[in-house]
PDB file of N, CA and C in Angstrom:
ATOM      1  N   MET A   1      15.062  42.631  21.511  1.00  0.00           N
ATOM      2  CA  MET A   1      14.384  41.330  22.526  1.00  0.00           C
ATOM      3  C   MET A   1      15.784  39.839  23.158  1.00  0.00           C
ATOM      4  N   MET A   2      16.314  39.712  23.779  1.00  0.00           N
ATOM      5  CA  MET A   2      17.067  39.119  24.567  1.00  0.00           C
ATOM      6  C   MET A   2      16.634  37.556  24.584  1.00  0.00           C
ATOM      7  N   HIS A   3      17.007  36.616  24.148  1.00  0.00           N
ATOM      8  CA  HIS A   3      17.238  35.621  24.315  1.00  0.00           C
ATOM      9  C   HIS A   3      18.363  34.663  24.531  1.00  0.00           C
ATOM     10  N   THR A   4      18.318  33.429  25.972  1.00  0.00           N
ATOM     11  CA  THR A   4      19.231  32.879  25.869  1.00  0.00           C
ATOM     12  C   THR A   4      19.175  31.596  25.497  1.00  0.00           C
ATOM     13  N   ILE A   5      19.712  30.404  25.025  1.00  0.00           N
ATOM     14  CA  ILE A   5      19.521  29.293  24.397  1.00  0.00           C
ATOM     15  C   ILE A   5      20.917  28.131  25.092  1.00  0.00           C
ATOM     16  N   GLN A   6      20.201  27.212  24.873  1.00  0.00           N
ATOM     17  CA  GLN A   6      21.750  26.114  25.578  1.00  0.00           C
ATOM     18  C   GLN A   6      21.864  24.928  24.312  1.00  0.00           C
ATOM     19  N   LEU A   7      23.094  24.780  24.092  1.00  0.00           N
ATOM     20  CA  LEU A   7      22.627  23.701  23.079  1.00  0.00           C
ATOM     21  C   LEU A   7      23.588  22.676  23.591  1.00  0.00           C
ATOM     22  N   ASP A   8      23.337  21.349  23.167  1.00  0.00           N
ATOM     23  CA  ASP A   8      24.564  20.366  23.800  1.00  0.00           C
ATOM     24  C   ASP A   8      26.193  20.468  22.516  1.00  0.00           C
ATOM     25  N   ALA A   9      27.282  19.961  23.824  1.00  0.00           N
ATOM     26  CA  ALA A   9      28.094  20.110  23.481  1.00  0.00           C
ATOM     27  C   ALA A   9      28.734  20.151  21.933  1.00  0.00           C
ATOM     28  N   ASP A  10      28.209  18.693  20.806  1.00  0.00           N
ATOM     29  CA  ASP A  10      28.494  18.699  20.010  1.00  0.00           C
ATOM     30  C   ASP A  10      27.277  19.328  18.530  1.00  0.00           C
ATOM     31  N   THR A  11      26.332  20.477  19.001  1.00  0.00           N
ATOM     32  CA  THR A  11      25.552  21.171  18.171  1.00  0.00           C
ATOM     33  C   THR A  11      27.089  22.421  18.276  1.00  0.00           C
ATOM     34  N   GLU A  12      26.966  22.637  19.245  1.00  0.00           N
ATOM     35  CA  GLU A  12      28.099  24.095  20.130  1.00  0.00           C
ATOM     36  C   GLU A  12      29.386  23.508  19.471  1.00  0.00           C
ATOM     37  N   ARG A  13      29.849  22.781  19.105  1.00  0.00           N
ATOM     38  CA  ARG A  13      31.292  22.794  18.486  1.00  0.00           C
ATOM     39  C   ARG A  13      31.021  23.040  16.828  1.00  0.00           C
ATOM     40  N   ARG A  14      29.829  22.128  16.437  1.00  0.00           N
ATOM     41  CA  ARG A  14      29.621  22.510  15.236  1.00  0.00           C
ATOM     42  C   ARG A  14      29.063  23.467  14.169  1.00  0.00           C
ATOM     43  N   LEU A  15      28.992  24.309  15.938  1.00  0.00           N
ATOM     44  CA  LEU A  15      28.387  25.336  15.297  1.00  0.00           C
ATOM     45  C   LEU A  15      29.742  26.225  15.164  1.00  0.00           C
ATOM     46  N   LYS A  16      30.161  27.102  16.523  1.00  0.00           N
ATOM     47  CA  LYS A  16      31.548  27.501  16.154  1.00  0.00           C
ATOM     48  C   LYS A  16      32.718  26.829  15.029  1.00  0.00           C
ATOM     49  N   GLU A  17      32.507  25.271  15.030  1.00  0.00           N
ATOM     50  CA  GLU A  17      33.114  24.755  13.167  1.00  0.00           C
ATOM     51  C   GLU A  17      32.535  25.856  12.192  1.00  0.00           C
ATOM     52  N   ALA A  18      31.967  26.208  12.205  1.00  0.00           N
ATOM     53  CA  ALA A  18      30.252  26.320  10.903  1.00  0.00           C
ATOM     54  C   ALA A  18      30.600  28.520  10.641  1.00  0.00           C
ATOM     55  N   ALA A  19      31.100  28.795  11.604  1.00  0.00           N
ATOM     56  CA  ALA A  19      31.725  29.688  11.969  1.00  0.00           C
ATOM     57  C   ALA A  19      33.065  30.259  11.442  1.00  0.00           C
ATOM     58  N   GLU A  20      33.499  30.173  12.190  1.00  0.00           N
ATOM     59  CA  GLU A  20      35.254  30.112  11.869  1.00  0.00           C
ATOM     60  C   GLU A  20      35.048  29.924  10.514  1.00  0.00           C
ATOM     61  N   ARG A  21      34.489  28.456   9.771  1.00  0.00           N
ATOM     62  CA  ARG A  21      34.426  28.172   7.845  1.00  0.00           C
ATOM     63  C   ARG A  21      34.143  29.399   7.619  1.00  0.00           C
ATOM     64  N   GLU A  22      33.164  30.205   8.044  1.00  0.00           N
ATOM     65  CA  GLU A  22      32.694  31.458   7.354  1.00  0.00           C
ATOM     66  C   GLU A  22      33.280  32.404   7.125  1.00  0.00           C
ATOM     67  N   SER A  23      34.190  33.022   8.615  1.00  0.00           N
ATOM     68  CA  SER A  23      34.427  33.879   8.961  1.00  0.00           C
ATOM     69  C   SER A  23      33.473  35.153   9.181  1.00  0.00           C
ATOM     70  N   THR A  24      32.542  34.379  10.577  1.00  0.00           N
ATOM     71  CA  THR A  24      31.308  35.025  11.225  1.00  0.00           C
ATOM     72  C   THR A  24      31.804  34.384  12.454  1.00  0.00           C
ATOM     73  N   ALA A  25      30.405  35.582  12.787  1.00  0.00           N
ATOM     74  CA  ALA A  25      30.690  35.694  13.915  1.00  0.00           C
ATOM     75  C   ALA A  25      28.964  34.000  14.875  1.00  0.00           C
ATOM     76  N   VAL A  26      29.019  33.111  15.723  1.00  0.00           N
ATOM     77  CA  VAL A  26      28.522  32.371  16.198  1.00  0.00           C
ATOM     78  C   VAL A  26      27.190  32.821  16.293  1.00  0.00           C
ATOM     79  N   GLU A  27      27.591  33.975  17.189  1.00  0.00           N
ATOM     80  CA  GLU A  27      25.332  34.772  17.027  1.00  0.00           C
ATOM     81  C   GLU A  27      25.039  34.850  15.562  1.00  0.00           C
ATOM     82  N   THR A  28      25.460  35.807  14.264  1.00  0.00           N
ATOM     83  CA  THR A  28      25.550  35.460  13.373  1.00  0.00           C
ATOM     84  C   THR A  28      24.726  34.683  12.818  1.00  0.00           C
ATOM     85  N   MET A  29      25.283  33.278  13.265  1.00  0.00           N
ATOM     86  CA  MET A  29      25.205  32.356  12.751  1.00  0.00           C
ATOM     87  C   MET A  29      23.915  31.903  12.743  1.00  0.00           C
ATOM     88  N   ILE A  30      23.749  31.449  14.246  1.00  0.00           N
ATOM     89  CA  ILE A  30      21.962  32.055  14.964  1.00  0.00           C
ATOM     90  C   ILE A  30      20.907  32.794  14.137  1.00  0.00           C
ATOM     91  N   ILE A  31      21.318  33.412  14.126  1.00  0.00           N
ATOM     92  CA  ILE A  31      20.357  34.879  13.563  1.00  0.00           C
ATOM     93  C   ILE A  31      20.031  34.681  12.191  1.00  0.00           C
ATOM     94  N   ARG A  32      20.981  34.128  11.488  1.00  0.00           N
ATOM     95  CA  ARG A  32      20.859  33.444  10.062  1.00  0.00           C
ATOM     96  C   ARG A  32      19.901  32.223   9.850  1.00  0.00           C
ATOM     97  N   ALA A  33      20.275  31.321  10.687  1.00  0.00           N
ATOM     98  CA  ALA A  33      19.889  30.614  11.410  1.00  0.00           C
ATOM     99  C   ALA A  33      17.896  30.412  11.147  1.00  0.00           C
ATOM    100  N   VAL A  34      17.800  31.263  12.245  1.00  0.00           N
ATOM    101  CA  VAL A  34      16.814  31.523  12.121  1.00  0.00           C
ATOM    102  C   VAL A  34      15.948  32.301  11.951  1.00  0.00           C
ATOM    103  N   TRP A  35      16.273  32.946  11.238  1.00  0.00           N
ATOM    104  CA  TRP A  35      15.849  33.218   9.734  1.00  0.00           C
ATOM    105  C   TRP A  35      15.105  32.918   9.196  1.00  0.00           C
ATOM    106  N   ASP A  36      15.955  32.318   8.355  1.00  0.00           N
ATOM    107  CA  ASP A  36      15.917  31.014   7.222  1.00  0.00           C
ATOM    108  C   ASP A  36      15.331  29.815   7.724  1.00  0.00           C
ATOM    109  N   TYR A  37      14.481  29.778   8.700  1.00  0.00           N
ATOM    110  CA  TYR A  37      13.548  28.946   9.518  1.00  0.00           C
ATOM    111  C   TYR A  37      12.430  29.477   8.998  1.00  0.00           C
ATOM    112  N   LEU A  38      11.843  30.221  10.017  1.00  0.00           N
ATOM    113  CA  LEU A  38      11.336  31.524   9.401  1.00  0.00           C
ATOM    114  C   LEU A  38      10.706  31.853   8.562  1.00  0.00           C
ATOM    115  N   GLU A  39      11.596  31.490   7.182  1.00  0.00           N
ATOM    116  CA  GLU A  39      10.656  32.009   5.705  1.00  0.00           C
ATOM    117  C   GLU A  39      10.062  30.614   5.648  1.00  0.00           C
ATOM    118  N   ASP A  40      11.602  29.627   6.180  1.00  0.00           N
ATOM    119  CA  ASP A  40      11.226  27.935   5.463  1.00  0.00           C
ATOM    120  C   ASP A  40       9.041  27.914   5.873  1.00  0.00           C
ATOM    121  N   LEU A  41       9.199  28.502   7.213  1.00  0.00           N
ATOM    122  CA  LEU A  41       7.790  28.352   7.238  1.00  0.00           C
ATOM    123  C   LEU A  41       5.997  29.116   7.266  1.00  0.00           C
ATOM    124  N   GLU A  42       7.038  29.847   6.683  1.00  0.00           N
ATOM    125  CA  GLU A  42       5.578  30.954   5.548  1.00  0.00           C
ATOM    126  C   GLU A  42       5.598  30.192   4.306  1.00  0.00           C
ATOM    127  N   ASP A  43       7.119  29.673   3.623  1.00  0.00           N
ATOM    128  CA  ASP A  43       6.678  29.101   2.239  1.00  0.00           C
ATOM    129  C   ASP A  43       6.031  27.803   2.060  1.00  0.00           C
ATOM    130  N   ILE A  44       6.141  26.990   3.239  1.00  0.00           N
ATOM    131  CA  ILE A  44       5.155  25.767   3.688  1.00  0.00           C
ATOM    132  C   ILE A  44       3.607  26.318   3.916  1.00  0.00           C
ATOM    133  N   ARG A  45       3.754  27.541   4.671  1.00  0.00           N
ATOM    134  CA  ARG A  45       2.107  27.868   4.560  1.00  0.00           C
ATOM    135  C   ARG A  45       1.525  28.195   3.397  1.00  0.00           C
ATOM    136  N   GLN A  46       2.715  28.610   2.299  1.00  0.00           N
ATOM    137  CA  GLN A  46       1.888  29.156   1.329  1.00  0.00           C
ATOM    138  C   GLN A  46       1.660  28.147   0.245  1.00  0.00           C
ATOM    139  N   ALA A  47       2.678  27.189   0.025  1.00  0.00           N
ATOM    140  CA  ALA A  47       2.254  25.657  -0.312  1.00  0.00           C
ATOM    141  C   ALA A  47       0.803  25.333  -0.197  1.00  0.00           C
ATOM    142  N   ASP A  48       0.800  25.283   1.865  1.00  0.00           N
ATOM    143  CA  ASP A  48      -0.536  24.257   1.999  1.00  0.00           C
ATOM    144  C   ASP A  48      -1.627  25.275   1.393  1.00  0.00           C
ATOM    145  N   ALA A  49      -1.873  26.249   1.361  1.00  0.00           N
ATOM    146  CA  ALA A  49      -2.794  26.930   0.837  1.00  0.00           C
ATOM    147  C   ALA A  49      -3.080  26.710  -0.599  1.00  0.00           C
ATOM    148  N   VAL A  50      -2.481  27.394  -1.435  1.00  0.00           N
ATOM    149  CA  VAL A  50      -1.999  26.187  -2.921  1.00  0.00           C
ATOM    150  C   VAL A  50      -2.499  25.393  -2.759  1.00  0.00           C
ATOM    151  N   MET A  51      -2.005  24.500  -2.259  1.00  0.00           N
ATOM    152  CA  MET A  51      -3.031  23.307  -2.464  1.00  0.00           C
ATOM    153  C   MET A  51      -3.994  22.727  -2.115  1.00  0.00           C
ATOM    154  N   ALA A  52      -4.245  23.913  -0.820  1.00  0.00           N
ATOM    155  CA  ALA A  52      -5.464  23.511  -0.769  1.00  0.00           C
ATOM    156  C   ALA A  52      -7.170  24.582  -1.281  1.00  0.00           C
ATOM    157  N   ARG A  53      -6.260  25.243  -2.377  1.00  0.00           N
ATOM    158  CA  ARG A  53      -6.801  25.245  -3.240  1.00  0.00           C
ATOM    159  C   ARG A  53      -6.685  24.804  -4.481  1.00  0.00           C
ATOM    160  N   VAL A  54      -6.240  23.962  -4.848  1.00  0.00           N
ATOM    161  CA  VAL A  54      -5.855  22.924  -5.460  1.00  0.00           C
ATOM    162  C   VAL A  54      -7.089  22.128  -5.621  1.00  0.00           C
ATOM    163  N   ILE A  55      -7.046  21.175  -4.095  1.00  0.00           N
ATOM    164  CA  ILE A  55      -7.966  20.204  -4.027  1.00  0.00           C
ATOM    165  C   ILE A  55      -9.388  20.919  -3.887  1.00  0.00           C
ATOM    166  N   ALA A  56      -9.757  21.817  -3.327  1.00  0.00           N
ATOM    167  CA  ALA A  56     -10.930  22.795  -3.760  1.00  0.00           C
ATOM    168  C   ALA A  56     -11.250  23.080  -5.190  1.00  0.00           C
ATOM    169  N   GLY A  57     -10.706  22.756  -6.450  1.00  0.00           N
ATOM    170  CA  GLY A  57     -10.694  23.220  -7.332  1.00  0.00           C
ATOM    171  C   GLY A  57     -10.205  24.634  -8.003  1.00  0.00           C
ATOM    172  N   GLU A  58     -10.218  25.337  -6.938  1.00  0.00           N
ATOM    173  CA  GLU A  58      -9.824  26.368  -7.087  1.00  0.00           C
ATOM    174  C   GLU A  58      -8.821  27.463  -7.871  1.00  0.00           C
ATOM    175  N   GLU A  59      -7.508  26.626  -7.979  1.00  0.00           N
ATOM    176  CA  GLU A  59      -6.835  26.931  -8.167  1.00  0.00           C
ATOM    177  C   GLU A  59      -6.514  25.898  -9.624  1.00  0.00           C
ATOM    178  N   GLU A  60      -5.517  26.985 -10.734  1.00  0.00           N
ATOM    179  CA  GLU A  60      -6.000  25.732 -12.367  1.00  0.00           C
ATOM    180  C   GLU A  60      -4.330  25.583 -11.719  1.00  0.00           C
ATOM    181  N   VAL A  61      -3.885  24.352 -13.332  1.00  0.00           N
ATOM    182  CA  VAL A  61      -3.610  23.699 -12.712  1.00  0.00           C
ATOM    183  C   VAL A  61      -3.106  22.438 -14.110  1.00  0.00           C
ATOM    184  N   LEU A  62      -1.765  23.489 -14.469  1.00  0.00           N
ATOM    185  CA  LEU A  62      -1.369  23.183 -16.738  1.00  0.00           C
ATOM    186  C   LEU A  62      -0.427  21.663 -15.940  1.00  0.00           C
ATOM    187  N   GLY A  63      -0.440  20.888 -17.344  1.00  0.00           N
ATOM    188  CA  GLY A  63      -0.155  20.365 -17.830  1.00  0.00           C
ATOM    189  C   GLY A  63       1.401  20.667 -18.502  1.00  0.00           C
ATOM    190  N   GLU A  64       2.090  20.090 -18.500  1.00  0.00           N
ATOM    191  CA  GLU A  64       3.310  21.229 -19.276  1.00  0.00           C
ATOM    192  C   GLU A  64       2.966  20.674 -21.020  1.00  0.00           C
ATOM    193  N   GLY A  65       2.215  20.046 -21.092  1.00  0.00           N
ATOM    194  CA  GLY A  65       1.733  20.849 -23.075  1.00  0.00           C
ATOM    195  C   GLY A  65       1.150  21.664 -22.268  1.00  0.00           C
ATOM    196  N   GLU A  66       0.173  21.899 -21.793  1.00  0.00           N
ATOM    197  CA  GLU A  66      -1.493  23.221 -22.060  1.00  0.00           C
ATOM    198  C   GLU A  66       0.037  24.039 -21.811  1.00  0.00           C
ATOM    199  N   LEU A  67       0.695  24.231 -20.902  1.00  0.00           N
ATOM    200  CA  LEU A  67       1.410  25.395 -20.187  1.00  0.00           C
ATOM    201  C   LEU A  67       2.251  25.802 -21.466  1.00  0.00           C
ATOM    202  N   ARG A  68       3.251  25.228 -22.200  1.00  0.00           N
ATOM    203  CA  ARG A  68       4.033  25.351 -22.810  1.00  0.00           C
ATOM    204  C   ARG A  68       3.580  26.123 -24.323  1.00  0.00           C
ATOM    205  N   ARG A  69       2.267  25.058 -24.469  1.00  0.00           N
ATOM    206  CA  ARG A  69       1.645  25.637 -26.116  1.00  0.00           C
ATOM    207  C   ARG A  69       0.154  27.156 -25.552  1.00  0.00           C
ATOM    208  N   ARG A  70       0.192  27.401 -23.488  1.00  0.00           N
ATOM    209  CA  ARG A  70      -0.586  28.769 -23.945  1.00  0.00           C
ATOM    210  C   ARG A  70       1.266  30.104 -23.804  1.00  0.00           C
ATOM    211  N   LEU A  71       2.646  29.374 -23.909  1.00  0.00           N
ATOM    212  CA  LEU A  71       3.328  30.837 -23.683  1.00  0.00           C
ATOM    213  C   LEU A  71       3.872  30.487 -25.210  1.00  0.00           C
ATOM    214  N   GLY A  72       3.512  29.544 -26.139  1.00  0.00           N
ATOM    215  CA  GLY A  72       3.974  30.023 -27.213  1.00  0.00           C
ATOM    216  C   GLY A  72       5.050  29.093 -27.469  1.00  0.00           C
ATOM    217  N   LEU A  73       5.421  28.138 -27.058  1.00  0.00           N
ATOM    218  CA  LEU A  73       6.221  27.307 -26.726  1.00  0.00           C
ATOM    219  C   LEU A  73       6.834  25.867 -27.878  1.00  0.00           C
ATOM    220  N   ASP A  74       5.641  26.180 -28.404  1.00  0.00           N
ATOM    221  CA  ASP A  74       5.240  25.235 -29.183  1.00  0.00           C
ATOM    222  C   ASP A  74       6.354  25.029 -30.159  1.00  0.00           C
ATOM    223  N   ASP A  75       6.435  23.572 -30.329  1.00  0.00           N
ATOM    224  CA  ASP A  75       7.627  23.628 -31.671  1.00  0.00           C
ATOM    225  C   ASP A  75       6.787  23.783 -33.273  1.00  0.00           C
TER     226      ASP A  75
END
């Protein structure tokens, strides 16, 4: 699927400079940026779901001491 985006001059300059520093194509930089953004959104959605379960009392939360005890790391 083809999409077209319009960037302001400063963003275009910065993108070109970054691509040159990374020895890659501008298009590759854009694809990576979109991919990273989508992964971040998915991580946020998962974190929100865990937090909702914590608030609802459906997810166990351990303090450091209890975690160390359960893992057998107590001195």
